[in-house]
Protein backbone atom coordinates (compact mmCIF):
# COMPACT_ATOMS: atom_id res chain seq x y z
CA UNK A 1 -22.03 34.17 -23.40
CA UNK A 2 -20.83 32.78 -20.10
CA UNK A 3 -21.88 29.23 -20.94
CA UNK A 4 -18.84 28.47 -23.09
CA UNK A 5 -16.23 29.48 -20.44
CA UNK A 6 -18.16 27.51 -17.81
CA UNK A 7 -18.26 24.44 -20.03
CA UNK A 8 -14.53 24.79 -20.73
CA UNK A 9 -13.80 25.09 -17.01
CA UNK A 10 -15.87 22.00 -16.23
CA UNK A 11 -14.09 20.08 -19.00
CA UNK A 12 -10.68 21.07 -17.64
CA UNK A 13 -11.72 20.08 -14.10
CA UNK A 14 -12.97 16.69 -15.30
CA UNK A 15 -9.79 16.10 -17.30
CA UNK A 16 -7.64 16.99 -14.29
CA UNK A 17 -9.64 14.68 -12.01
CA UNK A 18 -9.24 11.76 -14.41
CA UNK A 19 -5.54 12.48 -14.84
CA UNK A 20 -5.01 12.40 -11.09
CA UNK A 21 -7.01 9.17 -10.81
CA UNK A 22 -4.93 7.52 -13.56
CA UNK A 23 -1.67 8.54 -11.87
CA UNK A 24 -2.86 7.13 -8.55
CA UNK A 25 -4.01 3.98 -10.37
CA UNK A 26 -0.46 3.44 -11.70
CA UNK A 27 0.90 3.54 -8.14
CA UNK A 28 -1.84 1.20 -6.94
CA UNK A 29 -1.05 -1.21 -9.77
CA UNK A 30 2.63 -1.28 -8.77
CA UNK A 31 1.68 -2.00 -5.16
CA UNK A 32 -0.91 -4.69 -5.91
CA UNK A 33 1.28 -6.33 -8.54
CA UNK A 34 4.05 -6.66 -5.97
CA UNK A 35 1.64 -8.24 -3.48
CA UNK A 36 0.67 -11.01 -5.90
CA UNK A 37 3.81 -11.51 -7.98
CA UNK A 38 5.92 -12.70 -5.03
CA UNK A 39 3.84 -15.81 -4.31
CA UNK A 40 5.13 -17.74 -7.34
CA UNK A 41 8.79 -17.17 -6.53
CA UNK A 42 8.90 -18.20 -2.85
CA UNK A 43 10.57 -21.61 -3.52
CA UNK A 44 13.33 -20.02 -5.62
CA UNK A 45 13.82 -17.25 -3.06
CA UNK A 46 14.06 -19.81 -0.27
CA UNK A 47 16.68 -21.73 -2.19
CA UNK A 48 18.63 -18.51 -2.80
CA UNK A 49 18.57 -17.60 0.91
CA UNK A 50 19.21 -21.14 2.08
CA UNK A 51 15.89 -21.53 3.90
CA UNK A 52 12.73 -23.54 3.32
CA UNK A 53 9.91 -22.05 1.21
CA UNK A 54 7.69 -22.05 4.31
CA UNK A 55 10.16 -19.79 6.12
CA UNK A 56 9.77 -17.24 3.31
CA UNK A 57 6.21 -16.55 4.46
CA UNK A 58 7.67 -14.18 7.03
CA UNK A 59 8.30 -11.75 4.18
CA UNK A 60 4.57 -11.65 3.49
CA UNK A 61 3.68 -11.49 7.18
CA UNK A 62 5.89 -8.51 8.07
CA UNK A 63 4.67 -6.64 4.99
CA UNK A 64 1.06 -7.18 6.06
CA UNK A 65 1.70 -6.26 9.70
CA UNK A 66 3.61 -3.09 8.79
CA UNK A 67 0.70 -2.00 6.63
CA UNK A 68 -1.74 -2.66 9.46
CA UNK A 69 0.30 -0.59 11.91
CA UNK A 70 0.84 2.48 9.72
CA UNK A 71 -2.37 2.74 7.68
CA UNK A 72 -4.14 4.58 10.56
CA UNK A 73 -1.33 7.16 10.56
CA UNK A 74 -1.60 8.02 6.87
CA UNK A 75 -4.59 10.36 7.07
CA UNK A 76 -3.01 12.53 9.76
CA UNK A 77 0.28 12.68 7.86
CA UNK A 78 -1.58 13.76 4.71
CA UNK A 79 -3.26 16.61 6.61
CA UNK A 80 -0.09 17.61 8.42
CA UNK A 81 2.42 17.53 5.55
CA UNK A 82 0.20 17.50 2.46
CA UNK A 83 -1.30 14.52 0.65
CA UNK A 84 0.88 15.05 -2.44
CA UNK A 85 4.09 15.10 -0.39
CA UNK A 86 3.17 11.95 1.54
CA UNK A 87 2.17 10.19 -1.69
CA UNK A 88 5.55 11.07 -3.21
CA UNK A 89 7.26 9.78 -0.06
CA UNK A 90 5.23 6.55 -0.25
CA UNK A 91 6.31 5.93 -3.85
CA UNK A 92 9.96 6.66 -3.00
CA UNK A 93 9.90 4.27 -0.02
CA UNK A 94 8.17 1.54 -2.00
CA UNK A 95 10.51 1.86 -4.99
CA UNK A 96 13.72 1.92 -2.93
CA UNK A 97 12.48 -0.99 -0.81
CA UNK A 98 11.74 -2.95 -4.00
CA UNK A 99 15.33 -2.36 -5.11
CA UNK A 100 16.55 -3.52 -1.68
CA UNK A 101 14.37 -6.65 -1.89
CA UNK A 102 15.85 -7.55 -5.26
CA UNK A 103 19.41 -7.01 -3.99
CA UNK A 104 18.90 -8.95 -0.74
CA UNK A 105 21.42 -11.70 -0.05
CA UNK A 106 19.91 -13.06 3.16
CA UNK A 107 16.45 -13.57 4.62
CA UNK A 108 17.14 -10.90 7.26
CA UNK A 109 17.94 -8.31 4.60
CA UNK A 110 14.83 -9.27 2.68
CA UNK A 111 12.58 -8.99 5.74
CA UNK A 112 14.01 -5.54 6.59
CA UNK A 113 13.33 -4.38 3.03
CA UNK A 114 9.79 -5.74 3.19
CA UNK A 115 9.14 -3.73 6.36
CA UNK A 116 10.05 -0.52 4.52
CA UNK A 117 8.01 -1.65 1.53
CA UNK A 118 5.02 -2.24 3.81
CA UNK A 119 5.41 1.28 5.21
CA UNK A 120 5.36 2.74 1.71
CA UNK A 121 2.32 0.66 0.84
CA UNK A 122 0.51 1.71 4.04
CA UNK A 123 0.91 5.36 3.09
CA UNK A 124 0.25 4.90 -0.62
CA UNK A 125 -3.24 3.40 -0.66
CA UNK A 126 -5.22 5.69 1.68
CA UNK A 127 -3.33 8.86 0.70
CA UNK A 128 -3.84 8.06 -2.98
CA UNK A 129 -7.57 7.87 -2.40
CA UNK A 130 -7.43 11.18 -0.53
CA UNK A 131 -5.77 12.79 -3.56
CA UNK A 132 -8.47 11.48 -5.87
CA UNK A 133 -11.28 12.70 -3.62
CA UNK A 134 -9.73 16.15 -3.19
CA UNK A 135 -9.13 16.66 -6.91
CA UNK A 136 -12.40 15.28 -8.28
CA UNK A 137 -15.65 17.28 -8.30
CA UNK A 138 -18.81 15.45 -7.30
CA UNK A 139 -19.78 14.91 -10.93
CA UNK A 140 -16.49 13.05 -11.56
CA UNK A 141 -16.25 10.99 -8.37
CA UNK A 142 -17.77 7.88 -9.94
CA UNK A 143 -15.44 7.95 -12.95
CA UNK A 144 -12.41 8.68 -10.77
CA UNK A 145 -13.28 5.84 -8.39
CA UNK A 146 -13.68 3.46 -11.32
CA UNK A 147 -10.24 4.39 -12.63
CA UNK A 148 -8.48 3.58 -9.35
CA UNK A 149 -10.44 0.32 -9.01
CA UNK A 150 -9.06 -1.40 -12.11
CA UNK A 151 -5.63 -2.22 -10.55
CA UNK A 152 -7.39 -4.27 -7.85
CA UNK A 153 -9.09 -6.30 -10.61
CA UNK A 154 -6.20 -6.55 -13.03
CA UNK A 155 -3.07 -6.98 -10.87
CA UNK A 156 -4.16 -10.19 -9.04
CA UNK A 157 -4.77 -11.84 -12.42
CA UNK A 158 -1.55 -10.69 -14.08
CA UNK A 159 0.72 -10.96 -11.02
CA UNK A 160 1.05 -14.75 -10.61
CA UNK A 161 1.42 -15.33 -14.35
CA UNK A 162 3.99 -12.58 -14.75
CA UNK A 163 5.81 -13.68 -11.58
CA UNK A 164 6.07 -17.26 -12.81
CA UNK A 165 7.36 -16.14 -16.19
CA UNK A 166 9.97 -13.79 -14.70
CA UNK A 167 11.12 -16.35 -12.13
CA UNK A 168 11.46 -19.06 -14.79
CA UNK A 169 13.18 -17.11 -17.54
CA UNK A 170 15.02 -14.40 -15.57
CA UNK A 171 15.24 -14.68 -11.78
CA UNK A 172 13.10 -13.85 -8.75
CA UNK A 173 15.06 -10.62 -8.28
CA UNK A 174 13.32 -9.10 -11.29
CA UNK A 175 9.93 -9.52 -9.64
CA UNK A 176 11.04 -6.58 -7.48
CA UNK A 177 13.18 -4.72 -10.01
CA UNK A 178 10.08 -4.38 -12.21
CA UNK A 179 8.74 -1.87 -9.68
CA UNK A 180 11.61 0.56 -10.24
CA UNK A 181 10.56 1.94 -13.66
CA UNK A 182 6.94 2.03 -12.49
CA UNK A 183 7.98 3.98 -9.40
CA UNK A 184 10.09 6.45 -11.38
CA UNK A 185 7.23 7.05 -13.83
CA UNK A 186 4.81 7.50 -10.93
CA UNK A 187 7.09 10.01 -9.20
CA UNK A 188 7.49 12.07 -12.37
CA UNK A 189 3.74 12.12 -13.04
CA UNK A 190 2.83 13.05 -9.45
CA UNK A 191 5.40 15.85 -9.36
CA UNK A 192 4.23 17.20 -12.71
CA UNK A 193 0.44 16.92 -12.60
CA UNK A 194 -0.81 16.69 -9.00
CA UNK A 195 -0.96 20.02 -7.13
CA UNK A 196 0.28 20.36 -3.58
CA UNK A 197 -2.19 20.69 -0.75
CA UNK A 198 -2.04 20.96 3.02
CA UNK A 199 -4.56 21.58 5.77
CA UNK A 200 -4.34 25.12 7.12
CA UNK A 201 -4.90 23.98 10.69
CA UNK A 202 -4.11 20.25 11.03
CA UNK A 203 -5.37 18.54 14.15
CA UNK A 204 -2.95 16.89 16.59
CA UNK A 205 -2.51 13.16 16.29
CA UNK A 206 -4.79 11.08 18.47
CA UNK A 207 -2.08 8.87 19.96
CA UNK A 208 -4.40 6.60 22.03
CA UNK A 209 -6.63 6.05 19.00
CA UNK A 210 -3.62 5.37 16.78
CA UNK A 211 -2.20 2.85 19.24
CA UNK A 212 -5.52 1.03 19.74
CA UNK A 213 -6.26 0.84 16.01
CA UNK A 214 -2.76 -0.17 14.92
CA UNK A 215 -2.23 -2.72 17.69
CA UNK A 216 -5.70 -4.17 17.18
CA UNK A 217 -5.22 -4.61 13.44
CA UNK A 218 -1.71 -6.03 13.84
CA UNK A 219 -2.73 -8.59 16.50
CA UNK A 220 -5.86 -9.63 14.62
CA UNK A 221 -4.07 -10.06 11.28
CA UNK A 222 -1.16 -11.92 12.86
CA UNK A 223 -3.58 -14.21 14.69
CA UNK A 224 -5.48 -14.94 11.48
CA UNK A 225 -2.21 -15.59 9.65
CA UNK A 226 -1.20 -18.13 12.32
CA UNK A 227 -4.34 -20.18 11.62
CA UNK A 228 -2.50 -21.53 8.58
CA UNK A 229 0.24 -22.81 10.91
CA UNK A 230 -1.51 -24.96 13.54
CA UNK A 231 1.83 -26.40 14.62
CA UNK A 232 2.55 -23.05 16.29
CA UNK A 233 -0.17 -23.72 18.85
CA UNK A 234 -3.90 -23.02 18.95
CA UNK A 235 -3.98 -21.11 22.27
CA UNK A 236 -1.52 -18.33 21.28
CA UNK A 237 -3.40 -17.89 18.00
CA UNK A 238 -6.74 -17.61 19.78
CA UNK A 239 -5.31 -15.12 22.29
CA UNK A 240 -3.92 -12.95 19.50
CA UNK A 241 -7.28 -12.89 17.72
CA UNK A 242 -9.19 -12.11 20.90
CA UNK A 243 -6.73 -9.38 21.87
CA UNK A 244 -7.03 -7.85 18.39
CA UNK A 245 -10.84 -7.85 18.59
CA UNK A 246 -10.81 -6.29 22.08
CA UNK A 247 -8.40 -3.53 21.03
CA UNK A 248 -10.44 -2.92 17.89
CA UNK A 249 -13.59 -2.57 20.01
CA UNK A 250 -11.80 -0.10 22.28
CA UNK A 251 -10.62 1.83 19.21
CA UNK A 252 -14.22 2.15 17.98
CA UNK A 253 -15.40 3.35 21.38
CA UNK A 254 -12.48 5.75 21.88
CA UNK A 255 -13.76 8.64 19.65
CA UNK A 256 -17.17 8.52 21.39
CA UNK A 257 -15.69 9.49 24.73
């Protein structure tokens, strides 16, 4: 007699886990689409801002570096303030920053908006995975993981094609405005279907570990990005990469002390 209620409970749990994974996948798709859609519109954006297309690469660089700096902070924030709340904040930041990118009139305004967008992205990816893991039972982990994997496969294929179409027939601004309806839908779904959660006794932030990890990632990624610009000098690039590796090694050793 108890089998039927147990089966119904398991079915409801599985449905909830898949629903959460699909909602997180929508946010991931918005983020990954934005990362790939911009590449096709750099010449038009440069012309709009009065700079060369090469100078527009700074918008990609600051986005990447901001992500590297704040990704290590996301787990602690999720424990301290609740994964659902931080995920909502990440979507809000990303959506508003996308609007600011589309409304930018100068390269400086665009770079500032990309910094905020990178912050939202840094919080969105790891915290979204935390939500999926916390809401999926062991029997549903594989299915839930598969659902949040498809944006990584689909967005890089669709992004350049969609970006080229939008830039040609509309304008580059709409490559960012397209994130606004996705963000609004994501916010509504998260608020409606994902329950709040928060650690009862969150641990204090490991500031030395955060600094070592963030600085190491930022220096290493910036050094690797400079490889594509040999005119900037080989020695500074090598020093950045070495410094990033050393700080990363110290970050790995830090928790063992």
